[in-house]
C-alpha atoms as a PDB file:
ATOM      1  CA  UNK A   1      19.488 -67.560 -38.985  1.00  0.00           C
ATOM      2  CA  UNK A   2      16.109 -65.731 -36.524  1.00  0.00           C
ATOM      3  CA  UNK A   3      13.251 -66.598 -38.388  1.00  0.00           C
ATOM      4  CA  UNK A   4      10.212 -64.240 -38.416  1.00  0.00           C
ATOM      5  CA  UNK A   5       6.549 -64.383 -39.022  1.00  0.00           C
ATOM      6  CA  UNK A   6       5.847 -60.692 -40.684  1.00  0.00           C
ATOM      7  CA  UNK A   7       2.023 -59.773 -40.225  1.00  0.00           C
ATOM      8  CA  UNK A   8       0.050 -57.249 -42.309  1.00  0.00           C
ATOM      9  CA  UNK A   9      -3.059 -55.711 -40.820  1.00  0.00           C
ATOM     10  CA  UNK A  10      -5.241 -54.605 -43.800  1.00  0.00           C
ATOM     11  CA  UNK A  11      -8.939 -54.776 -42.244  1.00  0.00           C
ATOM     12  CA  UNK A  12      -9.275 -51.005 -41.201  1.00  0.00           C
ATOM     13  CA  UNK A  13     -12.385 -49.227 -42.642  1.00  0.00           C
ATOM     14  CA  UNK A  14      -9.754 -46.428 -43.782  1.00  0.00           C
ATOM     15  CA  UNK A  15     -12.403 -43.343 -42.554  1.00  0.00           C
ATOM     16  CA  UNK A  16     -10.268 -40.974 -43.475  1.00  0.00           C
ATOM     17  CA  UNK A  17      -8.808 -42.365 -47.027  1.00  0.00           C
ATOM     18  CA  UNK A  18     -12.376 -40.974 -48.223  1.00  0.00           C
ATOM     19  CA  UNK A  19     -13.740 -42.894 -51.213  1.00  0.00           C
ATOM     20  CA  UNK A  20     -15.529 -45.923 -52.339  1.00  0.00           C
ATOM     21  CA  UNK A  21     -11.921 -48.215 -52.065  1.00  0.00           C
ATOM     22  CA  UNK A  22     -10.340 -49.193 -48.893  1.00  0.00           C
ATOM     23  CA  UNK A  23      -6.417 -47.361 -48.301  1.00  0.00           C
ATOM     24  CA  UNK A  24      -4.697 -50.590 -48.672  1.00  0.00           C
ATOM     25  CA  UNK A  25      -6.469 -51.141 -52.561  1.00  0.00           C
ATOM     26  CA  UNK A  26      -6.321 -48.259 -53.562  1.00  0.00           C
ATOM     27  CA  UNK A  27      -3.250 -48.338 -57.107  1.00  0.00           C
ATOM     28  CA  UNK A  28      -0.418 -47.012 -56.489  1.00  0.00           C
ATOM     29  CA  UNK A  29       1.603 -46.862 -59.783  1.00  0.00           C
ATOM     30  CA  UNK A  30      -0.759 -49.720 -60.756  1.00  0.00           C
ATOM     31  CA  UNK A  31      -0.222 -52.197 -57.532  1.00  0.00           C
ATOM     32  CA  UNK A  32      -2.403 -52.198 -55.201  1.00  0.00           C
ATOM     33  CA  UNK A  33      -0.813 -50.279 -52.183  1.00  0.00           C
ATOM     34  CA  UNK A  34      -0.748 -53.863 -50.114  1.00  0.00           C
ATOM     35  CA  UNK A  35       0.906 -56.150 -51.807  1.00  0.00           C
ATOM     36  CA  UNK A  36       3.818 -53.167 -52.070  1.00  0.00           C
ATOM     37  CA  UNK A  37       3.918 -53.653 -48.796  1.00  0.00           C
ATOM     38  CA  UNK A  38       4.196 -57.198 -48.610  1.00  0.00           C
ATOM     39  CA  UNK A  39       6.855 -57.206 -51.307  1.00  0.00           C
ATOM     40  CA  UNK A  40       9.173 -55.591 -48.542  1.00  0.00           C
ATOM     41  CA  UNK A  41       9.524 -58.956 -47.152  1.00  0.00           C
ATOM     42  CA  UNK A  42       9.246 -61.623 -49.898  1.00  0.00           C
ATOM     43  CA  UNK A  43      12.405 -62.157 -50.572  1.00  0.00           C
ATOM     44  CA  UNK A  44      13.727 -62.220 -47.113  1.00  0.00           C
ATOM     45  CA  UNK A  45      16.012 -65.562 -46.584  1.00  0.00           C
ATOM     46  CA  UNK A  46      14.777 -64.950 -42.480  1.00  0.00           C
ATOM     47  CA  UNK A  47      10.653 -64.487 -43.289  1.00  0.00           C
ATOM     48  CA  UNK A  48       9.393 -67.880 -42.876  1.00  0.00           C
ATOM     49  CA  UNK A  49       5.177 -66.516 -43.155  1.00  0.00           C
ATOM     50  CA  UNK A  50       3.735 -63.776 -44.078  1.00  0.00           C
ATOM     51  CA  UNK A  51       0.382 -63.252 -42.769  1.00  0.00           C
ATOM     52  CA  UNK A  52      -2.635 -61.318 -44.247  1.00  0.00           C
ATOM     53  CA  UNK A  53      -5.459 -60.161 -42.315  1.00  0.00           C
ATOM     54  CA  UNK A  54      -8.785 -58.024 -44.143  1.00  0.00           C
ATOM     55  CA  UNK A  55     -12.121 -57.065 -42.859  1.00  0.00           C
ATOM     56  CA  UNK A  56     -14.341 -60.484 -43.023  1.00  0.00           C
ATOM     57  CA  UNK A  57     -16.323 -58.151 -45.241  1.00  0.00           C
ATOM     58  CA  UNK A  58     -13.838 -58.351 -47.452  1.00  0.00           C
ATOM     59  CA  UNK A  59     -12.464 -61.837 -47.178  1.00  0.00           C
ATOM     60  CA  UNK A  60     -14.215 -63.919 -50.244  1.00  0.00           C
ATOM     61  CA  UNK A  61     -13.785 -61.071 -52.296  1.00  0.00           C
ATOM     62  CA  UNK A  62      -9.828 -60.423 -51.519  1.00  0.00           C
ATOM     63  CA  UNK A  63      -9.591 -64.381 -51.458  1.00  0.00           C
ATOM     64  CA  UNK A  64     -10.902 -65.076 -55.046  1.00  0.00           C
ATOM     65  CA  UNK A  65      -9.159 -61.221 -57.260  1.00  0.00           C
ATOM     66  CA  UNK A  66      -5.470 -61.938 -55.582  1.00  0.00           C
ATOM     67  CA  UNK A  67      -5.820 -65.970 -55.901  1.00  0.00           C
ATOM     68  CA  UNK A  68      -2.687 -65.438 -57.995  1.00  0.00           C
ATOM     69  CA  UNK A  69      -0.816 -63.003 -55.348  1.00  0.00           C
ATOM     70  CA  UNK A  70      -1.720 -65.065 -52.521  1.00  0.00           C
ATOM     71  CA  UNK A  71      -0.635 -68.084 -53.895  1.00  0.00           C
ATOM     72  CA  UNK A  72       2.776 -67.210 -55.924  1.00  0.00           C
ATOM     73  CA  UNK A  73       4.004 -65.014 -52.196  1.00  0.00           C
ATOM     74  CA  UNK A  74       3.153 -68.111 -50.384  1.00  0.00           C
ATOM     75  CA  UNK A  75       0.081 -65.527 -47.822  1.00  0.00           C
ATOM     76  CA  UNK A  76      -1.575 -66.569 -45.510  1.00  0.00           C
ATOM     77  CA  UNK A  77      -4.933 -64.986 -45.247  1.00  0.00           C
ATOM     78  CA  UNK A  78      -7.196 -64.383 -42.028  1.00  0.00           C
ATOM     79  CA  UNK A  79     -10.620 -62.678 -40.727  1.00  0.00           C
ATOM     80  CA  UNK A  80      -9.277 -59.624 -38.700  1.00  0.00           C
ATOM     81  CA  UNK A  81     -11.274 -57.720 -36.387  1.00  0.00           C
ATOM     82  CA  UNK A  82     -13.335 -54.366 -35.784  1.00  0.00           C
ATOM     83  CA  UNK A  83     -10.260 -52.713 -34.494  1.00  0.00           C
ATOM     84  CA  UNK A  84      -6.272 -53.243 -35.283  1.00  0.00           C
ATOM     85  CA  UNK A  85      -4.832 -54.864 -32.220  1.00  0.00           C
ATOM     86  CA  UNK A  86      -8.446 -57.485 -32.832  1.00  0.00           C
ATOM     87  CA  UNK A  87      -6.628 -58.214 -36.116  1.00  0.00           C
ATOM     88  CA  UNK A  88      -3.391 -58.477 -35.018  1.00  0.00           C
ATOM     89  CA  UNK A  89      -4.138 -61.357 -32.270  1.00  0.00           C
ATOM     90  CA  UNK A  90      -5.999 -63.151 -34.817  1.00  0.00           C
ATOM     91  CA  UNK A  91      -3.131 -63.665 -36.882  1.00  0.00           C
ATOM     92  CA  UNK A  92      -1.302 -64.256 -33.517  1.00  0.00           C
ATOM     93  CA  UNK A  93      -3.387 -66.964 -33.401  1.00  0.00           C
ATOM     94  CA  UNK A  94      -1.259 -68.391 -36.493  1.00  0.00           C
ATOM     95  CA  UNK A  95       1.804 -67.553 -36.418  1.00  0.00           C
ATOM     96  CA  UNK A  96       4.095 -70.433 -36.987  1.00  0.00           C
ATOM     97  CA  UNK A  97       5.734 -72.698 -34.325  1.00  0.00           C
ATOM     98  CA  UNK A  98       9.057 -71.853 -35.885  1.00  0.00           C
ATOM     99  CA  UNK A  99       8.857 -68.388 -36.025  1.00  0.00           C
ATOM    100  CA  UNK A 100      10.746 -66.896 -32.546  1.00  0.00           C
ATOM    101  CA  UNK A 101       9.822 -62.746 -34.299  1.00  0.00           C
ATOM    102  CA  UNK A 102       7.004 -61.314 -34.874  1.00  0.00           C
ATOM    103  CA  UNK A 103       6.684 -58.209 -37.006  1.00  0.00           C
ATOM    104  CA  UNK A 104       3.582 -56.218 -37.736  1.00  0.00           C
ATOM    105  CA  UNK A 105       3.622 -54.467 -40.674  1.00  0.00           C
ATOM    106  CA  UNK A 106       1.003 -51.550 -41.470  1.00  0.00           C
ATOM    107  CA  UNK A 107      -0.892 -52.953 -44.749  1.00  0.00           C
ATOM    108  CA  UNK A 108      -0.293 -48.469 -45.725  1.00  0.00           C
ATOM    109  CA  UNK A 109       3.377 -48.723 -45.135  1.00  0.00           C
ATOM    110  CA  UNK A 110       5.390 -49.025 -49.137  1.00  0.00           C
ATOM    111  CA  UNK A 111       8.139 -47.389 -48.560  1.00  0.00           C
ATOM    112  CA  UNK A 112      10.728 -48.644 -46.595  1.00  0.00           C
ATOM    113  CA  UNK A 113      13.817 -49.366 -47.003  1.00  0.00           C
ATOM    114  CA  UNK A 114      15.899 -52.173 -46.347  1.00  0.00           C
ATOM    115  CA  UNK A 115      18.667 -51.483 -44.512  1.00  0.00           C
ATOM    116  CA  UNK A 116      15.640 -50.215 -41.970  1.00  0.00           C
ATOM    117  CA  UNK A 117      14.079 -53.599 -41.540  1.00  0.00           C
ATOM    118  CA  UNK A 118      17.641 -54.929 -41.348  1.00  0.00           C
ATOM    119  CA  UNK A 119      18.343 -53.945 -38.238  1.00  0.00           C
ATOM    120  CA  UNK A 120      14.260 -53.608 -36.705  1.00  0.00           C
ATOM    121  CA  UNK A 121      14.729 -57.648 -36.217  1.00  0.00           C
ATOM    122  CA  UNK A 122      18.514 -57.159 -35.787  1.00  0.00           C
ATOM    123  CA  UNK A 123      17.226 -55.244 -32.625  1.00  0.00           C
ATOM    124  CA  UNK A 124      14.549 -57.083 -32.114  1.00  0.00           C
ATOM    125  CA  UNK A 125      16.938 -60.270 -31.954  1.00  0.00           C
ATOM    126  CA  UNK A 126      19.014 -58.706 -28.872  1.00  0.00           C
ATOM    127  CA  UNK A 127      16.062 -56.801 -27.128  1.00  0.00           C
ATOM    128  CA  UNK A 128      12.352 -58.597 -27.418  1.00  0.00           C
ATOM    129  CA  UNK A 129      11.429 -54.859 -28.268  1.00  0.00           C
ATOM    130  CA  UNK A 130      11.838 -52.625 -31.656  1.00  0.00           C
ATOM    131  CA  UNK A 131      10.461 -50.910 -33.881  1.00  0.00           C
ATOM    132  CA  UNK A 132      11.089 -47.841 -36.488  1.00  0.00           C
ATOM    133  CA  UNK A 133      10.137 -44.738 -34.975  1.00  0.00           C
ATOM    134  CA  UNK A 134      10.923 -40.944 -36.307  1.00  0.00           C
ATOM    135  CA  UNK A 135      12.116 -37.807 -34.435  1.00  0.00           C
ATOM    136  CA  UNK A 136       9.800 -34.781 -34.430  1.00  0.00           C
ATOM    137  CA  UNK A 137      11.150 -31.814 -35.971  1.00  0.00           C
ATOM    138  CA  UNK A 138       8.886 -29.019 -36.249  1.00  0.00           C
ATOM    139  CA  UNK A 139       7.544 -27.164 -33.992  1.00  0.00           C
ATOM    140  CA  UNK A 140       4.385 -29.112 -31.616  1.00  0.00           C
ATOM    141  CA  UNK A 141       1.357 -27.477 -30.922  1.00  0.00           C
ATOM    142  CA  UNK A 142      -0.647 -28.958 -28.008  1.00  0.00           C
ATOM    143  CA  UNK A 143      -4.654 -27.132 -29.580  1.00  0.00           C
ATOM    144  CA  UNK A 144      -7.320 -27.448 -27.049  1.00  0.00           C
ATOM    145  CA  UNK A 145     -10.869 -28.097 -28.271  1.00  0.00           C
ATOM    146  CA  UNK A 146     -12.162 -24.864 -28.967  1.00  0.00           C
ATOM    147  CA  UNK A 147      -9.235 -24.928 -32.110  1.00  0.00           C
ATOM    148  CA  UNK A 148      -7.057 -22.876 -30.438  1.00  0.00           C
ATOM    149  CA  UNK A 149      -3.066 -23.735 -28.956  1.00  0.00           C
ATOM    150  CA  UNK A 150      -2.742 -24.791 -25.945  1.00  0.00           C
ATOM    151  CA  UNK A 151       0.921 -24.769 -25.981  1.00  0.00           C
ATOM    152  CA  UNK A 152       3.737 -25.664 -27.699  1.00  0.00           C
ATOM    153  CA  UNK A 153       4.991 -29.020 -26.458  1.00  0.00           C
ATOM    154  CA  UNK A 154       9.243 -29.153 -26.563  1.00  0.00           C
ATOM    155  CA  UNK A 155      10.193 -32.509 -28.818  1.00  0.00           C
ATOM    156  CA  UNK A 156      13.203 -33.053 -27.380  1.00  0.00           C
ATOM    157  CA  UNK A 157      12.580 -36.713 -27.091  1.00  0.00           C
ATOM    158  CA  UNK A 158       9.620 -36.816 -28.869  1.00  0.00           C
ATOM    159  CA  UNK A 159       9.297 -39.748 -31.955  1.00  0.00           C
ATOM    160  CA  UNK A 160       6.447 -40.669 -34.289  1.00  0.00           C
ATOM    161  CA  UNK A 161       6.043 -44.625 -33.683  1.00  0.00           C
ATOM    162  CA  UNK A 162       5.842 -46.017 -36.960  1.00  0.00           C
ATOM    163  CA  UNK A 163       6.190 -49.846 -38.595  1.00  0.00           C
ATOM    164  CA  UNK A 164       7.728 -52.317 -38.618  1.00  0.00           C
ATOM    165  CA  UNK A 165       7.179 -52.743 -35.499  1.00  0.00           C
ATOM    166  CA  UNK A 166       8.486 -56.398 -33.870  1.00  0.00           C
ATOM    167  CA  UNK A 167       8.994 -58.333 -31.135  1.00  0.00           C
ATOM    168  CA  UNK A 168      10.122 -61.067 -29.728  1.00  0.00           C
ATOM    169  CA  UNK A 169       6.638 -63.832 -30.511  1.00  0.00           C
ATOM    170  CA  UNK A 170       6.523 -65.518 -26.555  1.00  0.00           C
ATOM    171  CA  UNK A 171       6.453 -61.004 -25.275  1.00  0.00           C
ATOM    172  CA  UNK A 172       3.531 -60.316 -28.050  1.00  0.00           C
ATOM    173  CA  UNK A 173       1.713 -62.605 -26.971  1.00  0.00           C
ATOM    174  CA  UNK A 174       2.197 -62.815 -23.252  1.00  0.00           C
ATOM    175  CA  UNK A 175       1.390 -58.505 -23.367  1.00  0.00           C
ATOM    176  CA  UNK A 176      -1.785 -59.702 -25.808  1.00  0.00           C
ATOM    177  CA  UNK A 177      -2.632 -61.917 -23.047  1.00  0.00           C
ATOM    178  CA  UNK A 178      -2.695 -59.597 -20.353  1.00  0.00           C
ATOM    179  CA  UNK A 179      -4.404 -56.260 -22.525  1.00  0.00           C
ATOM    180  CA  UNK A 180      -7.620 -55.919 -20.349  1.00  0.00           C
ATOM    181  CA  UNK A 181     -10.595 -55.678 -21.509  1.00  0.00           C
ATOM    182  CA  UNK A 182     -10.555 -51.616 -21.848  1.00  0.00           C
ATOM    183  CA  UNK A 183      -7.844 -50.927 -22.892  1.00  0.00           C
ATOM    184  CA  UNK A 184      -7.268 -50.174 -27.088  1.00  0.00           C
ATOM    185  CA  UNK A 185      -4.199 -49.328 -28.255  1.00  0.00           C
ATOM    186  CA  UNK A 186      -3.084 -47.397 -31.207  1.00  0.00           C
ATOM    187  CA  UNK A 187      -0.166 -50.210 -31.840  1.00  0.00           C
ATOM    188  CA  UNK A 188       1.947 -53.361 -30.788  1.00  0.00           C
ATOM    189  CA  UNK A 189       4.211 -51.324 -29.273  1.00  0.00           C
ATOM    190  CA  UNK A 190       1.988 -50.029 -26.649  1.00  0.00           C
ATOM    191  CA  UNK A 191       0.320 -53.155 -25.534  1.00  0.00           C
ATOM    192  CA  UNK A 192       3.616 -54.687 -25.066  1.00  0.00           C
ATOM    193  CA  UNK A 193       5.119 -51.404 -23.231  1.00  0.00           C
ATOM    194  CA  UNK A 194       1.390 -51.637 -21.025  1.00  0.00           C
ATOM    195  CA  UNK A 195       2.642 -55.489 -20.342  1.00  0.00           C
ATOM    196  CA  UNK A 196       6.845 -53.925 -18.791  1.00  0.00           C
ATOM    197  CA  UNK A 197       8.728 -54.996 -21.244  1.00  0.00           C
ATOM    198  CA  UNK A 198      10.852 -52.426 -22.755  1.00  0.00           C
ATOM    199  CA  UNK A 199      10.438 -51.502 -26.207  1.00  0.00           C
ATOM    200  CA  UNK A 200      13.773 -50.502 -28.307  1.00  0.00           C
ATOM    201  CA  UNK A 201      13.748 -47.245 -30.202  1.00  0.00           C
ATOM    202  CA  UNK A 202      15.622 -48.122 -34.166  1.00  0.00           C
ATOM    203  CA  UNK A 203      15.792 -44.254 -35.998  1.00  0.00           C
ATOM    204  CA  UNK A 204      13.795 -43.717 -39.362  1.00  0.00           C
ATOM    205  CA  UNK A 205      12.717 -40.737 -41.050  1.00  0.00           C
ATOM    206  CA  UNK A 206       9.380 -38.836 -42.269  1.00  0.00           C
ATOM    207  CA  UNK A 207      10.074 -41.171 -45.853  1.00  0.00           C
ATOM    208  CA  UNK A 208       8.344 -44.014 -44.292  1.00  0.00           C
ATOM    209  CA  UNK A 209       4.992 -42.346 -45.051  1.00  0.00           C
ATOM    210  CA  UNK A 210       1.805 -43.790 -44.150  1.00  0.00           C
ATOM    211  CA  UNK A 211      -0.860 -43.692 -46.308  1.00  0.00           C
ATOM    212  CA  UNK A 212      -3.854 -41.539 -44.774  1.00  0.00           C
ATOM    213  CA  UNK A 213      -4.943 -39.285 -47.383  1.00  0.00           C
ATOM    214  CA  UNK A 214      -5.619 -39.985 -51.362  1.00  0.00           C
ATOM    215  CA  UNK A 215      -2.580 -37.296 -51.481  1.00  0.00           C
ATOM    216  CA  UNK A 216      -0.146 -39.399 -49.722  1.00  0.00           C
ATOM    217  CA  UNK A 217      -0.604 -41.812 -52.977  1.00  0.00           C
ATOM    218  CA  UNK A 218       1.018 -39.154 -55.466  1.00  0.00           C
ATOM    219  CA  UNK A 219       3.618 -38.682 -52.443  1.00  0.00           C
ATOM    220  CA  UNK A 220       4.455 -42.225 -51.976  1.00  0.00           C
ATOM    221  CA  UNK A 221       4.762 -42.994 -55.690  1.00  0.00           C
ATOM    222  CA  UNK A 222       7.333 -40.332 -55.671  1.00  0.00           C
ATOM    223  CA  UNK A 223       9.550 -41.742 -52.535  1.00  0.00           C
ATOM    224  CA  UNK A 224       9.114 -45.363 -54.491  1.00  0.00           C
ATOM    225  CA  UNK A 225      10.761 -43.623 -57.570  1.00  0.00           C
ATOM    226  CA  UNK A 226      13.343 -41.871 -55.818  1.00  0.00           C
ATOM    227  CA  UNK A 227      14.164 -44.965 -53.439  1.00  0.00           C
ATOM    228  CA  UNK A 228      14.599 -47.128 -56.802  1.00  0.00           C
ATOM    229  CA  UNK A 229      16.598 -44.526 -58.397  1.00  0.00           C
ATOM    230  CA  UNK A 230      19.043 -44.952 -55.066  1.00  0.00           C
ATOM    231  CA  UNK A 231      19.060 -48.787 -55.599  1.00  0.00           C
ATOM    232  CA  UNK A 232      19.982 -48.785 -58.848  1.00  0.00           C
ATOM    233  CA  UNK A 233      23.478 -46.730 -57.937  1.00  0.00           C
ATOM    234  CA  UNK A 234      25.272 -43.418 -59.790  1.00  0.00           C
ATOM    235  CA  UNK A 235      23.613 -42.612 -62.802  1.00  0.00           C
ATOM    236  CA  UNK A 236      24.596 -43.419 -65.923  1.00  0.00           C
ATOM    237  CA  UNK A 237      24.774 -39.893 -67.193  1.00  0.00           C
ATOM    238  CA  UNK A 238      22.557 -37.298 -68.767  1.00  0.00           C
ATOM    239  CA  UNK A 239      20.368 -38.866 -70.467  1.00  0.00           C
ATOM    240  CA  UNK A 240      19.784 -41.327 -67.872  1.00  0.00           C
ATOM    241  CA  UNK A 241      18.997 -38.093 -65.352  1.00  0.00           C
ATOM    242  CA  UNK A 242      16.916 -36.584 -67.749  1.00  0.00           C
ATOM    243  CA  UNK A 243      13.835 -39.293 -67.215  1.00  0.00           C
ATOM    244  CA  UNK A 244      13.937 -38.265 -63.708  1.00  0.00           C
END
C-alpha cells in the first residue's frame, strides 16, 4: 500500500473572513474547521503522517489549547510561513521517509467525500501529480478594473482547482527546490506545473467548499449533515425524514 503524508496548511491570515478568529479556528457545529479537515484523513490506513502548519504567532496557543487533539490524532505541528507555499515548504522538510506521496489539503475544506480522496490518491500514485477540481458551470465574465464587464469567457475546459492536491514526494520536493524567488504560486499544482511535470485532474464538484466568509460556515454545516445522512444509507421512515 502506497503511504501518504498529509499536510494541512492553517497559517493564513484569513483577511476575507473578518472578525477576531482566523477561519481555520472558527467553529463549525461546535468543532474547529481545521479539526474537521484533519478528520478526513485520520482513519485511512494509507496515511502514515499528518502535519499541521500554523502561523508562528499561533504556534504556542495551538500547541497548548489543542494538546489533546494533537496527541490523539498524532499530529506533527510545524510553524508555517507568511505565504501558503512557504508553509508547505517547511512542512515538506518534516515529511516521513516512508511516505511516497504528499497530500496538501486546505484547513478550510471540511466537505470532502471519501470517494474523492480515494480517487485523487490513486491518480497521483499512477501519474505522480493529481488534484481535485470542479468544472465551472456558470457564465464567466472577465471584469475590468472599473467594474465593467470586459469579456464573456468560454467556460469549456475551465476548472476550479481544489484540494486535496497529491504528488509523489520527489516530484513536489523537486518543484519546490526549482521555484524562482520571484514566483509566488497560489497552490502547489502551480509549482509542479511550472516544473514541467503534468498534473492530472480528478473531477469533484462545488460541495468541496472552501470556507472564505462567515456565511460559508452555515453552508458547510448543511453540506456535512447531508453527507452524513447519505453515508448512513436509506431512510428508516417518515419520522427520520422529519428530523432533517
